[in-house]
Amino acid sequence: MRYLLLLFISVPIVEMWLLIAVGQQIGAPLTISLVVATAVIGVYWLRQQGFSTLTRLNQRLASGQLPAREIAEGVVLTVGGALLLTPGFATDILGFSCLFAPTRALWANSLLLRIQAGAMAGFKTSFSNSSFQSNRPEDSSQDNSAFQDKSALQRGASQSSNDIIDGEYSRDD
């Protein structure tokens, strides 16, 4: 969370510094024109790459395959589009890196690896927090009240499931 706060503070500062530096070198009207031109070119390129990725996604779905890479590329393209619409040169460079196919593949691979690592960490956490009864001697001193509570609930549910209520249903319209 600290990194996110640092980004929200540092990125605008870097962008303002770059805009002022470029504006001093080539002039304010040309700098503004350059920022607008990168946004227009970026949106055009984003549209082409987005349709291409959507076509590949549909092909993978039609063939019965999971389109994980295409979904990750779609996320990268969305972030790239947002960066391109943000005025500034540093965000434009990052945005164009999301649109350029080789670097987009790197970003998508990084995203997929982070998702897989997070999923595995979540699986390990949920597995280690489950209330299985252990037969190991070092675990025998642990409180198994959660396990016993679940057992009691299951016994109560199985006893009440023997009560069968017979009836009829009719719908009068």
C-alpha atoms as a PDB file:
ATOM      1  CA  MET A   1       0.000   0.000   0.000  1.00  0.00           C
ATOM      2  CA  ARG A   2       2.930   2.309   0.683  1.00  0.00           C
ATOM      3  CA  TYR A   3       4.167   1.760  -2.854  1.00  0.00           C
ATOM      4  CA  LEU A   4       0.818   2.828  -4.257  1.00  0.00           C
ATOM      5  CA  LEU A   5       0.915   6.048  -2.245  1.00  0.00           C
ATOM      6  CA  LEU A   6       4.477   6.646  -3.411  1.00  0.00           C
ATOM      7  CA  LEU A   7       3.363   6.167  -7.024  1.00  0.00           C
ATOM      8  CA  PHE A   8       0.464   8.605  -6.662  1.00  0.00           C
ATOM      9  CA  ILE A   9       2.874  11.218  -5.347  1.00  0.00           C
ATOM     10  CA  SER A  10       5.933  10.617  -7.519  1.00  0.00           C
ATOM     11  CA  VAL A  11       4.351  10.035 -10.956  1.00  0.00           C
ATOM     12  CA  PRO A  12       2.687  13.485 -11.196  1.00  0.00           C
ATOM     13  CA  ILE A  13       5.892  15.135 -10.006  1.00  0.00           C
ATOM     14  CA  VAL A  14       7.948  13.315 -12.653  1.00  0.00           C
ATOM     15  CA  GLU A  15       5.347  14.128 -15.326  1.00  0.00           C
ATOM     16  CA  MET A  16       5.318  17.834 -14.445  1.00  0.00           C
ATOM     17  CA  TRP A  17       9.100  17.945 -14.448  1.00  0.00           C
ATOM     18  CA  LEU A  18       9.249  16.258 -17.883  1.00  0.00           C
ATOM     19  CA  LEU A  19       6.551  18.500 -19.343  1.00  0.00           C
ATOM     20  CA  ILE A  20       8.330  21.633 -18.114  1.00  0.00           C
ATOM     21  CA  ALA A  21      11.722  20.412 -19.366  1.00  0.00           C
ATOM     22  CA  VAL A  22      10.371  19.502 -22.798  1.00  0.00           C
ATOM     23  CA  GLY A  23       8.346  22.725 -22.935  1.00  0.00           C
ATOM     24  CA  GLN A  24      11.483  24.765 -22.300  1.00  0.00           C
ATOM     25  CA  GLN A  25      13.293  22.986 -25.118  1.00  0.00           C
ATOM     26  CA  ILE A  26      10.626  22.933 -27.852  1.00  0.00           C
ATOM     27  CA  GLY A  27       8.013  25.397 -26.594  1.00  0.00           C
ATOM     28  CA  ALA A  28       4.647  25.012 -24.905  1.00  0.00           C
ATOM     29  CA  PRO A  29       2.417  24.754 -28.026  1.00  0.00           C
ATOM     30  CA  LEU A  30       4.551  21.987 -29.529  1.00  0.00           C
ATOM     31  CA  THR A  31       4.700  20.145 -26.178  1.00  0.00           C
ATOM     32  CA  ILE A  32       0.916  20.240 -25.858  1.00  0.00           C
ATOM     33  CA  SER A  33       0.564  19.074 -29.463  1.00  0.00           C
ATOM     34  CA  LEU A  34       2.954  16.216 -28.776  1.00  0.00           C
ATOM     35  CA  VAL A  35       0.980  15.103 -25.705  1.00  0.00           C
ATOM     36  CA  VAL A  36      -2.299  15.191 -27.662  1.00  0.00           C
ATOM     37  CA  ALA A  37      -0.721  13.362 -30.624  1.00  0.00           C
ATOM     38  CA  THR A  38       0.581  10.545 -28.417  1.00  0.00           C
ATOM     39  CA  ALA A  39      -2.883  10.144 -26.908  1.00  0.00           C
ATOM     40  CA  VAL A  40      -4.570  10.007 -30.332  1.00  0.00           C
ATOM     41  CA  ILE A  41      -2.010   7.586 -31.776  1.00  0.00           C
ATOM     42  CA  GLY A  42      -2.179   5.482 -28.615  1.00  0.00           C
ATOM     43  CA  VAL A  43      -5.969   5.203 -28.688  1.00  0.00           C
ATOM     44  CA  TYR A  44      -5.882   4.196 -32.378  1.00  0.00           C
ATOM     45  CA  TRP A  45      -3.212   1.568 -31.731  1.00  0.00           C
ATOM     46  CA  LEU A  46      -5.042   0.387 -28.590  1.00  0.00           C
ATOM     47  CA  ARG A  47      -8.176  -0.195 -30.626  1.00  0.00           C
ATOM     48  CA  GLN A  48      -6.315  -2.330 -33.174  1.00  0.00           C
ATOM     49  CA  GLN A  49      -4.495  -4.375 -30.536  1.00  0.00           C
ATOM     50  CA  GLY A  50      -7.676  -4.775 -28.490  1.00  0.00           C
ATOM     51  CA  PHE A  51      -9.623  -6.190 -31.439  1.00  0.00           C
ATOM     52  CA  SER A  52      -6.733  -8.526 -32.239  1.00  0.00           C
ATOM     53  CA  THR A  53      -6.634  -9.800 -28.663  1.00  0.00           C
ATOM     54  CA  LEU A  54     -10.421 -10.169 -28.582  1.00  0.00           C
ATOM     55  CA  THR A  55     -10.323 -12.218 -31.793  1.00  0.00           C
ATOM     56  CA  ARG A  56      -7.675 -14.539 -30.316  1.00  0.00           C
ATOM     57  CA  LEU A  57      -9.720 -14.834 -27.120  1.00  0.00           C
ATOM     58  CA  ASN A  58     -12.816 -15.868 -29.077  1.00  0.00           C
ATOM     59  CA  GLN A  59     -10.802 -18.410 -31.073  1.00  0.00           C
ATOM     60  CA  ARG A  60      -9.429 -19.966 -27.889  1.00  0.00           C
ATOM     61  CA  LEU A  61     -12.904 -20.118 -26.357  1.00  0.00           C
ATOM     62  CA  ALA A  62     -14.328 -21.692 -29.515  1.00  0.00           C
ATOM     63  CA  SER A  63     -11.646 -24.381 -29.434  1.00  0.00           C
ATOM     64  CA  GLY A  64     -12.436 -25.127 -25.775  1.00  0.00           C
ATOM     65  CA  GLN A  65      -9.203 -23.735 -24.362  1.00  0.00           C
ATOM     66  CA  LEU A  66      -8.783 -21.384 -21.433  1.00  0.00           C
ATOM     67  CA  PRO A  67      -7.821 -17.911 -22.762  1.00  0.00           C
ATOM     68  CA  ALA A  68      -5.716 -16.938 -19.736  1.00  0.00           C
ATOM     69  CA  ARG A  69      -2.993 -15.233 -21.775  1.00  0.00           C
ATOM     70  CA  GLU A  70      -5.525 -13.248 -23.787  1.00  0.00           C
ATOM     71  CA  ILE A  71      -7.320 -12.138 -20.620  1.00  0.00           C
ATOM     72  CA  ALA A  72      -4.003 -11.036 -19.113  1.00  0.00           C
ATOM     73  CA  GLU A  73      -3.163  -9.170 -22.329  1.00  0.00           C
ATOM     74  CA  GLY A  74      -6.576  -7.499 -22.162  1.00  0.00           C
ATOM     75  CA  VAL A  75      -5.808  -6.273 -18.658  1.00  0.00           C
ATOM     76  CA  VAL A  76      -2.399  -5.007 -19.810  1.00  0.00           C
ATOM     77  CA  LEU A  77      -4.032  -3.256 -22.777  1.00  0.00           C
ATOM     78  CA  THR A  78      -6.560  -1.598 -20.460  1.00  0.00           C
ATOM     79  CA  VAL A  79      -3.815  -0.320 -18.185  1.00  0.00           C
ATOM     80  CA  GLY A  80      -1.847   0.832 -21.240  1.00  0.00           C
ATOM     81  CA  GLY A  81      -4.850   2.728 -22.567  1.00  0.00           C
ATOM     82  CA  ALA A  82      -5.345   4.479 -19.235  1.00  0.00           C
ATOM     83  CA  LEU A  83      -1.667   5.417 -19.151  1.00  0.00           C
ATOM     84  CA  LEU A  84      -1.820   6.789 -22.695  1.00  0.00           C
ATOM     85  CA  LEU A  85      -4.788   8.984 -21.873  1.00  0.00           C
ATOM     86  CA  THR A  86      -2.942  10.402 -18.859  1.00  0.00           C
ATOM     87  CA  PRO A  87      -1.091  13.532 -19.977  1.00  0.00           C
ATOM     88  CA  GLY A  88       2.652  13.147 -19.777  1.00  0.00           C
ATOM     89  CA  PHE A  89       5.626  11.511 -21.393  1.00  0.00           C
ATOM     90  CA  ALA A  90       6.583   8.932 -18.747  1.00  0.00           C
ATOM     91  CA  THR A  91       3.070   7.468 -18.662  1.00  0.00           C
ATOM     92  CA  ASP A  92       3.026   7.488 -22.477  1.00  0.00           C
ATOM     93  CA  ILE A  93       6.216   5.428 -22.569  1.00  0.00           C
ATOM     94  CA  LEU A  94       4.707   2.894 -20.148  1.00  0.00           C
ATOM     95  CA  GLY A  95       1.411   2.940 -22.064  1.00  0.00           C
ATOM     96  CA  PHE A  96       3.112   2.285 -25.405  1.00  0.00           C
ATOM     97  CA  SER A  97       5.066  -0.563 -23.793  1.00  0.00           C
ATOM     98  CA  CYS A  98       1.696  -2.137 -22.979  1.00  0.00           C
ATOM     99  CA  LEU A  99       0.628  -1.853 -26.635  1.00  0.00           C
ATOM    100  CA  PHE A 100       3.845  -3.086 -28.243  1.00  0.00           C
ATOM    101  CA  ALA A 101       3.418  -6.879 -28.669  1.00  0.00           C
ATOM    102  CA  PRO A 102       6.779  -8.128 -27.292  1.00  0.00           C
ATOM    103  CA  THR A 103       6.687  -5.965 -24.176  1.00  0.00           C
ATOM    104  CA  ARG A 104       2.950  -6.622 -23.741  1.00  0.00           C
ATOM    105  CA  ALA A 105       3.768 -10.348 -23.648  1.00  0.00           C
ATOM    106  CA  LEU A 106       6.325  -9.667 -20.905  1.00  0.00           C
ATOM    107  CA  TRP A 107       3.793  -7.648 -18.899  1.00  0.00           C
ATOM    108  CA  ALA A 108       1.139 -10.369 -19.387  1.00  0.00           C
ATOM    109  CA  ASN A 109       3.552 -13.128 -18.318  1.00  0.00           C
ATOM    110  CA  SER A 110       4.445 -11.131 -15.227  1.00  0.00           C
ATOM    111  CA  LEU A 111       0.761 -10.660 -14.430  1.00  0.00           C
ATOM    112  CA  LEU A 112      -0.003 -14.362 -14.905  1.00  0.00           C
ATOM    113  CA  LEU A 113       2.909 -15.356 -12.673  1.00  0.00           C
ATOM    114  CA  ARG A 114       1.710 -12.972  -9.947  1.00  0.00           C
ATOM    115  CA  ILE A 115      -1.818 -14.372 -10.181  1.00  0.00           C
ATOM    116  CA  GLN A 116      -0.536 -17.943  -9.995  1.00  0.00           C
ATOM    117  CA  ALA A 117       1.696 -17.118  -7.023  1.00  0.00           C
ATOM    118  CA  GLY A 118      -1.203 -15.407  -5.271  1.00  0.00           C
ATOM    119  CA  ALA A 119      -3.510 -18.331  -5.965  1.00  0.00           C
ATOM    120  CA  MET A 120      -0.967 -20.810  -4.640  1.00  0.00           C
ATOM    121  CA  ALA A 121      -0.385 -18.696  -1.539  1.00  0.00           C
ATOM    122  CA  GLY A 122      -4.139 -18.507  -0.995  1.00  0.00           C
ATOM    123  CA  PHE A 123      -4.446 -22.267  -1.426  1.00  0.00           C
ATOM    124  CA  LYS A 124      -1.658 -22.911   1.060  1.00  0.00           C
ATOM    125  CA  THR A 125      -3.202 -20.496   3.546  1.00  0.00           C
ATOM    126  CA  SER A 126      -6.681 -21.993   3.261  1.00  0.00           C
ATOM    127  CA  PHE A 127      -5.269 -25.512   3.507  1.00  0.00           C
ATOM    128  CA  SER A 128      -3.187 -24.692   6.592  1.00  0.00           C
ATOM    129  CA  ASN A 129      -6.144 -22.936   8.273  1.00  0.00           C
ATOM    130  CA  SER A 130      -8.521 -25.824   7.754  1.00  0.00           C
ATOM    131  CA  SER A 131      -9.624 -27.674  10.867  1.00  0.00           C
ATOM    132  CA  PHE A 132      -8.434 -31.209  10.181  1.00  0.00           C
ATOM    133  CA  GLN A 133      -7.703 -33.363  13.198  1.00  0.00           C
ATOM    134  CA  SER A 134      -4.051 -34.268  13.363  1.00  0.00           C
ATOM    135  CA  ASN A 135      -2.665 -37.569  14.592  1.00  0.00           C
ATOM    136  CA  ARG A 136       0.799 -36.140  15.179  1.00  0.00           C
ATOM    137  CA  PRO A 137       1.835 -36.009  18.835  1.00  0.00           C
ATOM    138  CA  GLU A 138       3.085 -32.410  18.602  1.00  0.00           C
ATOM    139  CA  ASP A 139      -0.358 -31.300  17.425  1.00  0.00           C
ATOM    140  CA  SER A 140      -2.323 -33.187  20.074  1.00  0.00           C
ATOM    141  CA  SER A 141      -2.147 -30.234  22.453  1.00  0.00           C
ATOM    142  CA  GLN A 142      -3.936 -27.950  20.000  1.00  0.00           C
ATOM    143  CA  ASP A 143      -7.517 -26.937  20.638  1.00  0.00           C
ATOM    144  CA  ASN A 144      -9.775 -28.948  18.335  1.00  0.00           C
ATOM    145  CA  SER A 145     -12.964 -27.180  19.373  1.00  0.00           C
ATOM    146  CA  ALA A 146     -13.613 -25.957  15.823  1.00  0.00           C
ATOM    147  CA  PHE A 147     -13.390 -29.525  14.550  1.00  0.00           C
ATOM    148  CA  GLN A 148     -15.664 -30.794  17.325  1.00  0.00           C
ATOM    149  CA  ASP A 149     -18.175 -28.002  16.665  1.00  0.00           C
ATOM    150  CA  LYS A 150     -18.321 -28.953  12.990  1.00  0.00           C
ATOM    151  CA  SER A 151     -18.829 -32.614  13.900  1.00  0.00           C
ATOM    152  CA  ALA A 152     -21.717 -31.722  16.183  1.00  0.00           C
ATOM    153  CA  LEU A 153     -23.314 -29.596  13.483  1.00  0.00           C
ATOM    154  CA  GLN A 154     -22.961 -32.396  10.959  1.00  0.00           C
ATOM    155  CA  ARG A 155     -24.518 -34.921  13.367  1.00  0.00           C
ATOM    156  CA  GLY A 156     -27.389 -32.523  14.005  1.00  0.00           C
ATOM    157  CA  ALA A 157     -27.906 -32.010  10.293  1.00  0.00           C
ATOM    158  CA  SER A 158     -27.911 -35.738   9.574  1.00  0.00           C
ATOM    159  CA  GLN A 159     -30.461 -36.394  12.345  1.00  0.00           C
ATOM    160  CA  SER A 160     -32.797 -33.709  11.076  1.00  0.00           C
ATOM    161  CA  SER A 161     -32.478 -34.905   7.482  1.00  0.00           C
ATOM    162  CA  ASN A 162     -34.375 -38.095   8.466  1.00  0.00           C
ATOM    163  CA  ASP A 163     -37.534 -36.021   8.907  1.00  0.00           C
ATOM    164  CA  ILE A 164     -39.347 -36.231   5.586  1.00  0.00           C
ATOM    165  CA  ILE A 165     -42.237 -33.960   4.849  1.00  0.00           C
ATOM    166  CA  ASP A 166     -44.482 -35.183   2.085  1.00  0.00           C
ATOM    167  CA  GLY A 167     -46.678 -32.753   0.199  1.00  0.00           C
ATOM    168  CA  GLU A 168     -48.013 -31.585  -3.112  1.00  0.00           C
ATOM    169  CA  TYR A 169     -47.498 -28.355  -4.974  1.00  0.00           C
ATOM    170  CA  SER A 170     -49.739 -26.829  -7.566  1.00  0.00           C
ATOM    171  CA  ARG A 171     -49.644 -23.486  -9.267  1.00  0.00           C
ATOM    172  CA  ASP A 172     -52.907 -21.655  -9.910  1.00  0.00           C
ATOM    173  CA  ASP A 173     -52.538 -18.923 -12.525  1.00  0.00           C
END
